[in-house]
Amino acid sequence: MANALDTYRLNLGHYPNEQEGGLDALLKKPTFENERLGEKWQGPYLKPGTVLDDPWNNKIRYELNDATTSTGTGGAGGESAGALPYKLFSVGPDGQPDTDDDIKLAADSNDPNSTSAPK
């Protein structure tokens, strides 16, 4: 999913936001107010049939970091070196966010449950 998010950003100049459907924008073309922006969408960015659920049937969570949403550029200015401009995570088997069983994708993290972001 991280690779698909990066490809989306390369094509459109930003990561998918909530108005574009978040992770759903990787599977189906969002409705863009700007037609020229819509022409840049080259998806789907995930293989057909990809399910956006974790192994416990909870939705994979995706949130843009504040620096990304405020600049609208997918991370230019404001984010620290090595930090991802978004959060991508599973709430784990208990289905509750912010608990010890959460599984997170992170570039720099002290969290033992986090994995390194692909380079």
C-alpha atoms as a PDB file:
ATOM      1  CA  MET A   1       0.000   0.000   0.000  1.00  0.00           C
ATOM      2  CA  ALA A   2       2.859   2.380   0.764  1.00  0.00           C
ATOM      3  CA  ASN A   3       4.191   1.939  -2.780  1.00  0.00           C
ATOM      4  CA  ALA A   4       0.732   2.587  -4.231  1.00  0.00           C
ATOM      5  CA  LEU A   5       0.428   5.754  -2.128  1.00  0.00           C
ATOM      6  CA  ASP A   6       3.816   6.952  -3.375  1.00  0.00           C
ATOM      7  CA  THR A   7       2.858   6.292  -7.004  1.00  0.00           C
ATOM      8  CA  TYR A   8      -0.403   8.189  -6.519  1.00  0.00           C
ATOM      9  CA  ARG A   9       1.588  11.127  -5.156  1.00  0.00           C
ATOM     10  CA  LEU A  10       4.002  11.014  -8.084  1.00  0.00           C
ATOM     11  CA  ASN A  11       1.096  11.161 -10.545  1.00  0.00           C
ATOM     12  CA  LEU A  12      -1.085  13.731  -8.807  1.00  0.00           C
ATOM     13  CA  GLY A  13       1.391  15.737  -6.746  1.00  0.00           C
ATOM     14  CA  HIS A  14      -0.150  14.823  -3.397  1.00  0.00           C
ATOM     15  CA  TYR A  15      -1.277  11.839  -1.362  1.00  0.00           C
ATOM     16  CA  PRO A  16      -4.989  10.988  -1.487  1.00  0.00           C
ATOM     17  CA  ASN A  17      -6.977  13.042   0.967  1.00  0.00           C
ATOM     18  CA  GLU A  18     -10.292  12.431   2.671  1.00  0.00           C
ATOM     19  CA  GLN A  19     -12.248  14.283  -0.027  1.00  0.00           C
ATOM     20  CA  GLU A  20     -10.755  11.931  -2.636  1.00  0.00           C
ATOM     21  CA  GLY A  21     -11.705   8.872  -0.616  1.00  0.00           C
ATOM     22  CA  GLY A  22      -8.461   8.141   1.212  1.00  0.00           C
ATOM     23  CA  LEU A  23      -7.220   4.637   0.411  1.00  0.00           C
ATOM     24  CA  ASP A  24     -10.239   4.053  -1.854  1.00  0.00           C
ATOM     25  CA  ALA A  25      -8.652   6.545  -4.281  1.00  0.00           C
ATOM     26  CA  LEU A  26      -6.009   3.880  -4.929  1.00  0.00           C
ATOM     27  CA  LEU A  27      -8.659   1.522  -6.328  1.00  0.00           C
ATOM     28  CA  LYS A  28     -11.185   3.773  -8.071  1.00  0.00           C
ATOM     29  CA  LYS A  29     -10.842   7.179  -9.630  1.00  0.00           C
ATOM     30  CA  PRO A  30     -12.088   9.954  -7.375  1.00  0.00           C
ATOM     31  CA  THR A  31     -14.220  12.784  -8.666  1.00  0.00           C
ATOM     32  CA  PHE A  32     -11.931  15.772  -9.090  1.00  0.00           C
ATOM     33  CA  GLU A  33     -13.211  19.340  -9.387  1.00  0.00           C
ATOM     34  CA  ASN A  34     -10.196  20.085 -11.571  1.00  0.00           C
ATOM     35  CA  GLU A  35     -10.462  17.986 -14.756  1.00  0.00           C
ATOM     36  CA  ARG A  36      -6.737  18.340 -15.438  1.00  0.00           C
ATOM     37  CA  LEU A  37      -5.993  16.776 -12.067  1.00  0.00           C
ATOM     38  CA  GLY A  38      -8.367  13.924 -12.876  1.00  0.00           C
ATOM     39  CA  GLU A  39      -6.468  13.260 -16.107  1.00  0.00           C
ATOM     40  CA  LYS A  40      -3.314  12.615 -14.038  1.00  0.00           C
ATOM     41  CA  TRP A  41      -4.915   9.723 -12.156  1.00  0.00           C
ATOM     42  CA  GLN A  42      -3.345   6.569 -13.627  1.00  0.00           C
ATOM     43  CA  GLY A  43      -4.879   3.935 -11.356  1.00  0.00           C
ATOM     44  CA  PRO A  44      -5.931   1.649 -10.079  1.00  0.00           C
ATOM     45  CA  TYR A  45      -2.767   1.683  -7.997  1.00  0.00           C
ATOM     46  CA  LEU A  46      -3.506  -1.616  -6.259  1.00  0.00           C
ATOM     47  CA  LYS A  47      -4.167  -4.986  -7.873  1.00  0.00           C
ATOM     48  CA  PRO A  48      -7.821  -5.725  -8.671  1.00  0.00           C
ATOM     49  CA  GLY A  49      -9.513  -7.484  -5.788  1.00  0.00           C
ATOM     50  CA  THR A  50      -7.263  -5.906  -3.165  1.00  0.00           C
ATOM     51  CA  VAL A  51      -9.148  -5.675   0.104  1.00  0.00           C
ATOM     52  CA  LEU A  52      -8.446  -2.664   2.297  1.00  0.00           C
ATOM     53  CA  ASP A  53      -9.007  -4.679   5.473  1.00  0.00           C
ATOM     54  CA  ASP A  54      -6.490  -6.183   7.876  1.00  0.00           C
ATOM     55  CA  PRO A  55      -6.484  -9.932   8.708  1.00  0.00           C
ATOM     56  CA  TRP A  56      -9.030  -9.269  11.492  1.00  0.00           C
ATOM     57  CA  ASN A  57     -11.540  -7.681   9.070  1.00  0.00           C
ATOM     58  CA  ASN A  58     -10.897  -4.142  10.342  1.00  0.00           C
ATOM     59  CA  LYS A  59     -10.377  -1.355   7.816  1.00  0.00           C
ATOM     60  CA  ILE A  60      -6.728  -0.414   7.276  1.00  0.00           C
ATOM     61  CA  ARG A  61      -6.389   3.097   8.710  1.00  0.00           C
ATOM     62  CA  TYR A  62      -4.833   5.909   6.687  1.00  0.00           C
ATOM     63  CA  GLU A  63      -4.394   9.457   7.921  1.00  0.00           C
ATOM     64  CA  LEU A  64      -2.466  12.339   6.418  1.00  0.00           C
ATOM     65  CA  ASN A  65      -0.185  14.114   8.873  1.00  0.00           C
ATOM     66  CA  ASP A  66      -1.040  17.737   9.646  1.00  0.00           C
ATOM     67  CA  ALA A  67       1.966  19.126   7.722  1.00  0.00           C
ATOM     68  CA  THR A  68       0.752  17.340   4.588  1.00  0.00           C
ATOM     69  CA  THR A  69      -2.818  18.549   4.803  1.00  0.00           C
ATOM     70  CA  SER A  70      -1.826  22.129   5.550  1.00  0.00           C
ATOM     71  CA  THR A  71       0.595  22.404   2.632  1.00  0.00           C
ATOM     72  CA  GLY A  72      -1.394  20.254   0.226  1.00  0.00           C
ATOM     73  CA  THR A  73       1.863  19.164  -1.415  1.00  0.00           C
ATOM     74  CA  GLY A  74       2.339  15.723   0.046  1.00  0.00           C
ATOM     75  CA  GLY A  75       4.981  16.735   2.518  1.00  0.00           C
ATOM     76  CA  ALA A  76       6.924  19.694   1.192  1.00  0.00           C
ATOM     77  CA  GLY A  77       7.937  21.836   4.107  1.00  0.00           C
ATOM     78  CA  GLY A  78       7.250  21.013   7.688  1.00  0.00           C
ATOM     79  CA  GLU A  79       7.871  17.308   8.018  1.00  0.00           C
ATOM     80  CA  SER A  80      11.024  15.994   9.632  1.00  0.00           C
ATOM     81  CA  ALA A  81      13.573  14.010   7.672  1.00  0.00           C
ATOM     82  CA  GLY A  82      12.609  10.331   7.531  1.00  0.00           C
ATOM     83  CA  ALA A  83       9.043  10.906   8.697  1.00  0.00           C
ATOM     84  CA  LEU A  84       6.208   9.748   6.498  1.00  0.00           C
ATOM     85  CA  PRO A  85       3.626  12.347   5.470  1.00  0.00           C
ATOM     86  CA  TYR A  86       0.876   9.896   6.434  1.00  0.00           C
ATOM     87  CA  LYS A  87       0.020   7.221   8.967  1.00  0.00           C
ATOM     88  CA  LEU A  88      -0.858   3.747   7.697  1.00  0.00           C
ATOM     89  CA  PHE A  89      -1.881   1.244  10.349  1.00  0.00           C
ATOM     90  CA  SER A  90      -4.040  -1.624  11.534  1.00  0.00           C
ATOM     91  CA  VAL A  91      -5.821  -1.512  14.870  1.00  0.00           C
ATOM     92  CA  GLY A  92      -4.841  -5.156  15.348  1.00  0.00           C
ATOM     93  CA  PRO A  93      -6.868  -8.080  16.645  1.00  0.00           C
ATOM     94  CA  ASP A  94      -8.648  -6.139  19.399  1.00  0.00           C
ATOM     95  CA  GLY A  95     -10.094  -3.638  16.873  1.00  0.00           C
ATOM     96  CA  GLN A  96      -9.254  -0.707  19.162  1.00  0.00           C
ATOM     97  CA  PRO A  97      -6.908   2.134  18.133  1.00  0.00           C
ATOM     98  CA  ASP A  98      -3.944   3.181  20.275  1.00  0.00           C
ATOM     99  CA  THR A  99      -3.451  -0.173  22.000  1.00  0.00           C
ATOM    100  CA  ASP A 100      -0.389  -2.416  22.207  1.00  0.00           C
ATOM    101  CA  ASP A 101      -1.518  -4.703  19.362  1.00  0.00           C
ATOM    102  CA  ASP A 102      -1.696  -1.943  16.719  1.00  0.00           C
ATOM    103  CA  ILE A 103       0.471  -2.524  13.642  1.00  0.00           C
ATOM    104  CA  LYS A 104       1.938   0.654  12.153  1.00  0.00           C
ATOM    105  CA  LEU A 105       3.989   1.580   9.119  1.00  0.00           C
ATOM    106  CA  ALA A 106       6.524   4.208  10.154  1.00  0.00           C
ATOM    107  CA  ALA A 107       9.914   5.452   8.919  1.00  0.00           C
ATOM    108  CA  ASP A 108      11.257   6.599  12.287  1.00  0.00           C
ATOM    109  CA  SER A 109       9.629   5.152  15.334  1.00  0.00           C
ATOM    110  CA  ASN A 110      10.534   3.957  18.799  1.00  0.00           C
ATOM    111  CA  ASP A 111       7.421   1.788  18.745  1.00  0.00           C
ATOM    112  CA  PRO A 112       8.410  -1.915  18.736  1.00  0.00           C
ATOM    113  CA  ASN A 113       5.176  -2.737  16.841  1.00  0.00           C
ATOM    114  CA  SER A 114       6.112  -0.462  13.934  1.00  0.00           C
ATOM    115  CA  THR A 115       7.714  -1.610  10.728  1.00  0.00           C
ATOM    116  CA  SER A 116      10.136   0.346   8.608  1.00  0.00           C
ATOM    117  CA  ALA A 117       8.813   2.144   5.575  1.00  0.00           C
ATOM    118  CA  PRO A 118       9.955   0.746   2.223  1.00  0.00           C
ATOM    119  CA  LYS A 119      12.622   2.793   0.506  1.00  0.00           C
END
